[in-house]
Amino acid sequence: MNTNPFYNKLFYGTSKVTIEQVEEELKDLEGSPRTRYLIHTGGRNAAILEYLLHNPKDHKPCLGFLMVHSAFQKQGLAKEIYLVCEEEMKKNKKKCLRWGCLAGMFRPFPFGPKWVLKR
């Protein structure tokens, strides 16, 4: 929960968050069309992925959250997760996948996101 102080500062406004803050965020997601996965590697929490198949604002699928724990970065995990997400979009007959980013957080992905899905 506090493994990424940079993200916490951008999202919550503080580098450390409480369990109550996280629970409140999860409560806000109830009834939402979001899909969220906690990815485990070697018995450890390695990443979180969240996406919408249908964003009510623009009716497009959106990858809204992909965070890889620092211990698992630069090992190809983000690329692997993204490609699985891309396959999910294809299975659901989606032709694009928008990315949502917090201001100041985006850094280029070395694998280069495919803004239009390949068939």
Protein backbone atom coordinates (compact mmCIF):
# COMPACT_ATOMS: atom_id res chain seq x y z
CA MET A 1 0.00 0.00 0.00
CA ASN A 2 2.91 2.39 0.60
CA THR A 3 5.40 0.87 -1.82
CA ASN A 4 5.10 3.76 -4.29
CA PRO A 5 5.27 7.14 -2.47
CA PHE A 6 5.40 9.00 -5.81
CA TYR A 7 2.04 7.56 -6.90
CA ASN A 8 0.54 8.07 -3.45
CA LYS A 9 1.57 11.74 -3.55
CA LEU A 10 -0.05 12.23 -6.98
CA PHE A 11 -3.22 10.27 -6.23
CA TYR A 12 -3.83 10.90 -2.52
CA GLY A 13 -1.80 14.07 -1.94
CA THR A 14 0.48 12.40 0.61
CA SER A 15 3.35 9.93 0.32
CA LYS A 16 1.85 7.53 2.90
CA VAL A 17 -1.74 6.35 2.89
CA THR A 18 -3.84 4.63 5.50
CA ILE A 19 -5.91 1.48 5.12
CA GLU A 20 -8.98 3.70 5.59
CA GLN A 21 -8.03 5.77 2.51
CA VAL A 22 -7.61 2.64 0.41
CA GLU A 23 -10.88 1.17 1.70
CA GLU A 24 -12.68 4.42 0.83
CA GLU A 25 -11.25 4.29 -2.70
CA LEU A 26 -12.40 0.68 -3.10
CA LYS A 27 -15.86 1.60 -1.79
CA ASP A 28 -16.05 4.31 -4.47
CA LEU A 29 -15.41 1.61 -7.11
CA GLU A 30 -18.40 -0.52 -6.06
CA GLY A 31 -20.89 -0.83 -8.91
CA SER A 32 -18.35 0.56 -11.34
CA PRO A 33 -17.73 -1.12 -14.71
CA ARG A 34 -14.01 -1.36 -13.89
CA THR A 35 -12.02 -4.56 -13.89
CA ARG A 36 -9.09 -4.65 -11.45
CA TYR A 37 -6.46 -7.36 -11.10
CA LEU A 38 -3.78 -7.82 -8.48
CA ILE A 39 -0.93 -9.70 -10.17
CA HIS A 40 1.21 -12.04 -8.07
CA THR A 41 4.66 -13.30 -9.01
CA GLY A 42 6.51 -15.78 -6.86
CA GLY A 43 3.89 -15.42 -4.12
CA ARG A 44 4.37 -11.64 -3.93
CA ASN A 45 2.18 -8.75 -5.06
CA ALA A 46 3.89 -7.59 -8.23
CA ALA A 47 1.45 -5.27 -10.02
CA ILE A 48 -2.04 -3.82 -10.23
CA LEU A 49 -4.02 -3.45 -13.45
CA GLU A 50 -7.34 -1.66 -13.84
CA TYR A 51 -9.29 -1.11 -17.04
CA LEU A 52 -12.74 -0.27 -18.38
CA LEU A 53 -14.17 -2.13 -21.36
CA HIS A 54 -16.58 0.77 -21.82
CA ASN A 55 -15.75 4.22 -20.48
CA PRO A 56 -19.06 6.05 -20.01
CA LYS A 57 -17.41 9.36 -20.96
CA ASP A 58 -16.28 8.44 -24.49
CA HIS A 59 -17.59 4.87 -24.94
CA LYS A 60 -14.05 3.56 -25.54
CA PRO A 61 -12.08 0.99 -23.55
CA CYS A 62 -9.54 2.56 -21.22
CA LEU A 63 -6.51 1.27 -19.36
CA GLY A 64 -6.73 3.53 -16.33
CA PHE A 65 -4.14 2.03 -14.04
CA LEU A 66 -1.03 -0.13 -14.40
CA MET A 67 1.50 -0.03 -11.60
CA VAL A 68 4.36 -2.48 -11.20
CA HIS A 69 6.08 -2.82 -7.82
CA SER A 70 9.62 -1.45 -7.97
CA ALA A 71 11.08 -4.92 -7.20
CA PHE A 72 9.53 -6.22 -10.45
CA GLN A 73 10.25 -3.31 -12.78
CA LYS A 74 12.56 -3.63 -15.81
CA GLN A 75 11.83 -7.36 -16.09
CA GLY A 76 9.20 -7.22 -18.83
CA LEU A 77 6.23 -7.62 -16.49
CA ALA A 78 4.48 -4.39 -17.58
CA LYS A 79 4.77 -5.44 -21.21
CA GLU A 80 3.40 -8.90 -20.44
CA ILE A 81 0.47 -7.42 -18.51
CA TYR A 82 -0.26 -4.91 -21.25
CA LEU A 83 -0.26 -7.61 -23.93
CA VAL A 84 -2.72 -9.72 -21.90
CA CYS A 85 -4.93 -6.63 -21.54
CA GLU A 86 -4.67 -6.02 -25.28
CA GLU A 87 -5.79 -9.61 -25.95
CA GLU A 88 -8.77 -9.08 -23.65
CA MET A 89 -9.74 -6.03 -25.72
CA LYS A 90 -9.52 -8.08 -28.91
CA LYS A 91 -11.68 -10.85 -27.41
CA ASN A 92 -14.28 -8.20 -26.65
CA LYS A 93 -14.11 -6.87 -30.23
CA LYS A 94 -12.50 -3.58 -29.18
CA LYS A 95 -10.34 -1.83 -31.80
CA CYS A 96 -8.53 0.62 -29.55
CA LEU A 97 -7.41 1.01 -25.95
CA ARG A 98 -7.07 4.46 -24.44
CA TRP A 99 -4.61 5.11 -21.63
CA GLY A 100 -5.43 7.29 -18.64
CA CYS A 101 -2.54 9.01 -16.84
CA LEU A 102 -2.26 11.31 -13.86
CA ALA A 103 -0.53 14.59 -14.74
CA GLY A 104 3.16 14.32 -13.92
CA MET A 105 3.17 10.53 -13.71
CA PHE A 106 3.50 9.28 -17.27
CA ARG A 107 6.88 8.07 -18.37
CA PRO A 108 7.42 6.35 -21.71
CA PHE A 109 7.06 2.60 -21.76
CA PRO A 110 10.08 0.91 -23.33
CA PHE A 111 7.80 -1.50 -25.19
CA GLY A 112 5.82 1.35 -26.77
CA PRO A 113 2.04 1.13 -26.35
CA LYS A 114 0.14 0.18 -29.50
CA TRP A 115 -2.41 2.96 -29.59
CA VAL A 116 -4.44 1.02 -32.18
CA LEU A 117 -4.69 -2.71 -31.61
CA LYS A 118 -3.21 -5.00 -34.22
CA ARG A 119 -5.29 -7.87 -35.57
